[in-house]
Protein backbone atom coordinates (compact mmCIF):
# COMPACT_ATOMS: atom_id res chain seq x y z
CA MET A 1 -51.57 119.15 53.00
CA LEU A 2 -54.34 120.27 55.25
CA HIS A 3 -57.87 118.76 55.61
CA ILE A 4 -60.48 120.50 57.81
CA LEU A 5 -63.54 118.20 58.34
CA ASP A 6 -66.12 120.61 59.64
CA GLN A 7 -65.94 122.61 56.36
CA SER A 8 -68.42 120.04 55.07
CA ASN A 9 -71.85 119.60 56.65
CA THR A 10 -71.85 116.12 58.04
CA LEU A 11 -72.84 114.18 61.27
CA PHE A 12 -69.23 114.80 62.43
CA ASN A 13 -70.22 118.33 63.33
CA ARG A 14 -72.63 117.10 65.87
CA PHE A 15 -69.89 115.17 67.77
CA ILE A 16 -67.72 118.28 67.65
CA ALA A 17 -70.63 120.41 69.00
CA GLU A 18 -71.26 117.93 71.91
CA MET A 19 -67.57 117.85 72.84
CA ARG A 20 -67.55 121.64 73.00
CA ASP A 21 -70.83 122.02 74.88
CA VAL A 22 -70.11 122.87 78.56
CA ASN A 23 -73.28 120.90 79.65
CA ILE A 24 -72.86 117.72 77.49
CA GLN A 25 -69.15 117.40 78.01
CA ARG A 26 -69.61 116.85 81.76
CA ASP A 27 -70.81 113.31 80.83
CA SER A 28 -67.34 111.64 80.74
CA MET A 29 -68.62 108.55 79.14
CA ARG A 30 -70.31 110.43 76.26
CA PHE A 31 -67.23 112.62 75.96
CA ARG A 32 -64.98 109.73 75.55
CA ARG A 33 -67.39 108.16 73.02
CA ASN A 34 -67.49 111.33 71.02
CA LEU A 35 -63.66 111.37 70.88
CA GLU A 36 -63.85 107.77 69.65
CA ARG A 37 -66.49 108.63 67.02
CA ALA A 38 -64.17 111.48 65.87
CA GLY A 39 -61.28 109.02 65.42
CA GLU A 40 -63.54 106.59 63.47
CA ILE A 41 -64.59 109.29 60.97
CA MET A 42 -60.99 110.55 60.55
CA ALA A 43 -59.77 107.02 60.09
CA TYR A 44 -62.33 106.47 57.33
CA GLU A 45 -61.32 109.77 55.63
CA ILE A 46 -57.55 108.90 55.91
CA SER A 47 -58.23 105.40 54.40
CA LYS A 48 -59.17 107.09 51.12
CA THR A 49 -55.59 108.32 50.69
CA LEU A 50 -53.86 104.99 51.13
CA ASP A 51 -52.49 102.75 48.36
CA TYR A 52 -54.81 99.92 47.16
CA THR A 53 -54.41 96.88 44.92
CA PRO A 54 -57.12 94.36 43.69
CA HIS A 55 -57.44 91.07 45.64
CA THR A 56 -59.50 88.03 44.92
CA VAL A 57 -61.90 86.84 47.71
CA GLU A 58 -63.64 83.43 47.50
CA THR A 59 -67.37 83.53 48.31
CA PRO A 60 -69.72 80.53 48.82
CA LEU A 61 -70.84 81.10 45.12
CA GLY A 62 -67.68 82.13 43.31
CA GLU A 63 -65.05 84.85 43.45
CA ALA A 64 -65.12 88.64 43.97
CA THR A 65 -62.40 91.23 43.38
CA VAL A 66 -61.88 93.67 46.14
CA SER A 67 -59.36 96.55 46.33
CA LEU A 68 -57.65 96.41 49.67
CA SER A 69 -54.90 98.68 51.16
CA ASP A 70 -51.34 97.42 51.24
CA ASP A 71 -50.15 100.12 53.68
CA GLU A 72 -48.59 98.98 57.00
CA VAL A 73 -50.33 101.36 59.39
CA VAL A 74 -49.12 102.39 62.86
CA ILE A 75 -51.31 104.47 65.01
CA ALA A 76 -49.55 106.52 67.76
CA THR A 77 -50.92 108.75 70.43
CA ILE A 78 -49.96 111.11 73.15
CA LEU A 79 -51.10 109.91 76.64
CA ARG A 80 -53.55 110.35 78.21
CA ALA A 81 -56.03 112.52 76.33
CA GLY A 82 -55.37 110.72 73.13
CA ILE A 83 -56.52 107.20 74.29
CA PRO A 84 -60.15 107.45 73.36
CA PHE A 85 -59.36 109.14 70.08
CA HIS A 86 -56.69 106.48 69.35
CA GLN A 87 -59.35 103.74 70.04
CA GLY A 88 -61.59 105.26 67.35
CA PHE A 89 -58.75 104.79 64.77
CA LEU A 90 -58.11 101.23 65.96
CA ASN A 91 -61.75 100.41 65.44
CA TYR A 92 -61.28 100.93 61.73
CA PHE A 93 -57.55 100.12 61.25
CA ASP A 94 -57.95 96.95 63.28
CA ARG A 95 -54.90 95.33 61.95
CA ALA A 96 -52.66 98.37 62.82
CA GLN A 97 -49.79 98.35 65.28
CA SER A 98 -49.78 101.04 67.98
CA ALA A 99 -47.28 103.37 69.53
CA PHE A 100 -47.43 105.61 72.61
CA VAL A 101 -45.79 108.70 73.83
CA SER A 102 -46.00 110.25 77.31
CA ALA A 103 -45.50 113.94 76.93
CA TYR A 104 -46.70 116.89 78.96
CA ARG A 105 -46.12 120.67 79.42
CA LYS A 106 -43.77 121.58 82.30
CA TYR A 107 -44.65 125.32 83.19
CA GLY A 108 -42.29 127.87 84.46
CA LYS A 109 -43.42 130.79 86.71
CA ASP A 110 -43.93 133.06 83.75
CA ASN A 111 -46.39 130.77 81.96
CA THR A 112 -43.87 129.62 79.52
CA PHE A 113 -43.47 125.90 79.20
CA HIS A 114 -41.40 123.20 77.49
CA ILE A 115 -42.41 119.77 76.39
CA LYS A 116 -41.27 116.94 78.60
CA ILE A 117 -41.24 113.35 77.24
CA GLU A 118 -40.96 110.49 79.70
CA TYR A 119 -41.95 107.32 77.84
CA ILE A 120 -41.95 106.00 74.27
CA SER A 121 -43.28 102.68 73.08
CA THR A 122 -43.13 102.00 69.29
CA CYS A 123 -42.60 99.36 66.74
CA ASP A 124 -40.27 99.88 63.69
CA LEU A 125 -41.78 102.72 61.68
CA THR A 126 -39.55 102.50 58.68
CA ASP A 127 -41.43 102.93 55.29
CA LYS A 128 -44.75 102.51 57.16
CA THR A 129 -47.78 104.85 57.38
CA LEU A 130 -47.77 106.62 60.66
CA ILE A 131 -51.06 108.13 61.96
CA LEU A 132 -50.19 110.36 64.99
CA VAL A 133 -53.29 111.41 66.83
CA ASP A 134 -53.88 113.93 69.65
CA PRO A 135 -57.20 115.68 70.26
CA MET A 136 -55.84 119.15 70.59
CA LEU A 137 -53.28 120.99 68.47
CA ALA A 138 -52.58 124.17 70.36
CA THR A 139 -49.00 125.44 69.84
CA GLY A 140 -47.97 122.41 67.90
CA ALA A 141 -45.01 121.72 70.08
CA SER A 142 -46.34 118.46 71.57
CA LEU A 143 -46.99 116.89 68.17
CA ASP A 144 -43.62 117.92 66.92
CA TYR A 145 -41.82 116.60 69.91
CA ALA A 146 -43.80 113.35 69.83
CA TYR A 147 -43.11 112.92 66.10
CA ARG A 148 -39.35 113.42 66.54
CA ALA A 149 -39.20 111.10 69.61
CA LEU A 150 -41.07 108.41 67.67
CA THR A 151 -38.94 108.65 64.46
CA GLU A 152 -35.58 108.84 66.43
CA LYS A 153 -36.53 105.54 68.03
CA GLY A 154 -38.60 103.83 65.32
CA GLY A 155 -37.21 105.13 62.06
CA GLN A 156 -38.60 107.23 59.26
CA PRO A 157 -42.23 106.58 58.03
CA ARG A 158 -43.07 106.69 54.46
CA HIS A 159 -45.88 109.08 55.21
CA THR A 160 -47.29 110.56 58.38
CA HIS A 161 -50.90 111.72 59.08
CA LEU A 162 -51.41 114.03 61.95
CA ALA A 163 -54.95 113.90 63.30
CA THR A 164 -56.52 116.32 65.79
CA VAL A 165 -60.05 117.21 66.77
CA ILE A 166 -59.47 120.97 67.52
CA ALA A 167 -56.50 122.86 66.09
CA SER A 168 -55.36 126.45 66.55
CA GLU A 169 -54.22 128.57 63.53
CA GLU A 170 -50.85 129.01 65.33
CA GLY A 171 -50.52 125.20 65.80
CA ILE A 172 -51.18 124.58 62.15
CA GLU A 173 -48.56 127.04 61.15
CA TYR A 174 -46.08 125.53 63.56
CA VAL A 175 -46.61 122.02 62.13
CA ARG A 176 -46.29 123.35 58.60
CA LYS A 177 -42.83 124.87 59.47
CA HIS A 178 -41.39 122.15 61.57
CA LEU A 179 -42.53 118.81 60.03
CA PRO A 180 -41.53 117.63 56.46
CA PRO A 181 -44.34 118.95 54.20
CA SER A 182 -43.85 116.43 51.45
CA SER A 183 -44.46 113.52 53.74
CA THR A 184 -46.96 114.93 56.29
CA THR A 185 -50.70 115.46 56.03
CA LEU A 186 -52.67 117.30 58.74
CA TRP A 187 -56.24 116.42 59.48
CA CYS A 188 -58.38 118.74 61.77
CA GLY A 189 -61.95 118.44 62.93
CA SER A 190 -62.22 122.27 63.40
CA VAL A 191 -59.89 125.26 63.57
CA ASP A 192 -60.00 127.98 66.25
CA GLN A 193 -58.12 131.25 66.04
CA GLU A 194 -57.13 132.19 69.60
CA LEU A 195 -54.75 130.84 72.24
CA THR A 196 -54.70 132.08 75.87
CA VAL A 197 -51.58 133.26 77.70
CA LYS A 198 -51.02 129.65 78.81
CA SER A 199 -51.60 128.41 75.30
CA TYR A 200 -55.06 126.82 75.59
CA ILE A 201 -57.29 126.99 72.49
CA VAL A 202 -60.23 129.41 72.57
CA PRO A 203 -63.10 128.57 72.31
CA GLY A 204 -61.69 125.08 72.14
CA ILE A 205 -63.06 122.31 74.39
CA GLY A 206 -61.25 122.57 77.72
CA ASP A 207 -58.85 119.94 79.21
CA THR A 208 -59.51 116.81 77.17
CA GLY A 209 -57.77 114.54 79.56
CA ASP A 210 -59.76 115.84 82.59
CA LEU A 211 -63.01 115.61 80.65
CA ALA A 212 -62.35 112.10 79.55
CA TYR A 213 -60.82 110.71 82.82
CA GLY A 214 -61.29 113.17 85.67
CA THR A 215 -59.21 115.96 87.09
CA LYS A 216 -55.49 115.34 88.03
CA ILE A 217 -53.33 116.78 90.81
């Protein structure tokens, strides 16, 4: 299942616009905060799909019945660009456990690349709700490799939500072909059509890790 948030006119679109804007995105603190805001909004939207049961809460004057989610949520992200986005999800799923994957593109001389994973930290994922977040879904390979690395180490989640701020059409199709459709939901802030020769999204945002934390060598 696919959800694209900017198909509705909401405040979320302003955060997307500011992250794309070449002048505003130069403010690293604001860029990180907009990634965090995007995570908060997506967390709220995903929360609508979880399982709920009624619980009784004692108030100073009586009792109230409130529907609360019973899902055990684990929020996973790909370092380093995903950290502010991840924090936005944690702001709302404040009882969730976290998982982390260090994955990057290793390029060859002909601009082809493969995904290299160097570090994985996860709890047991068996029968839990996994929310795997990464700001950019370009080719789809990074999310696929991260998902497989997490599940190989942590077990099979009951359902997986993949959350990204900007996705390419190619990346969406890749995810649809390579991840189990019956137990995977994809959430995108916005969808772009084009990828460059080096597989960067156009118009996209740019290098989210560099914009959030500074250029790397």
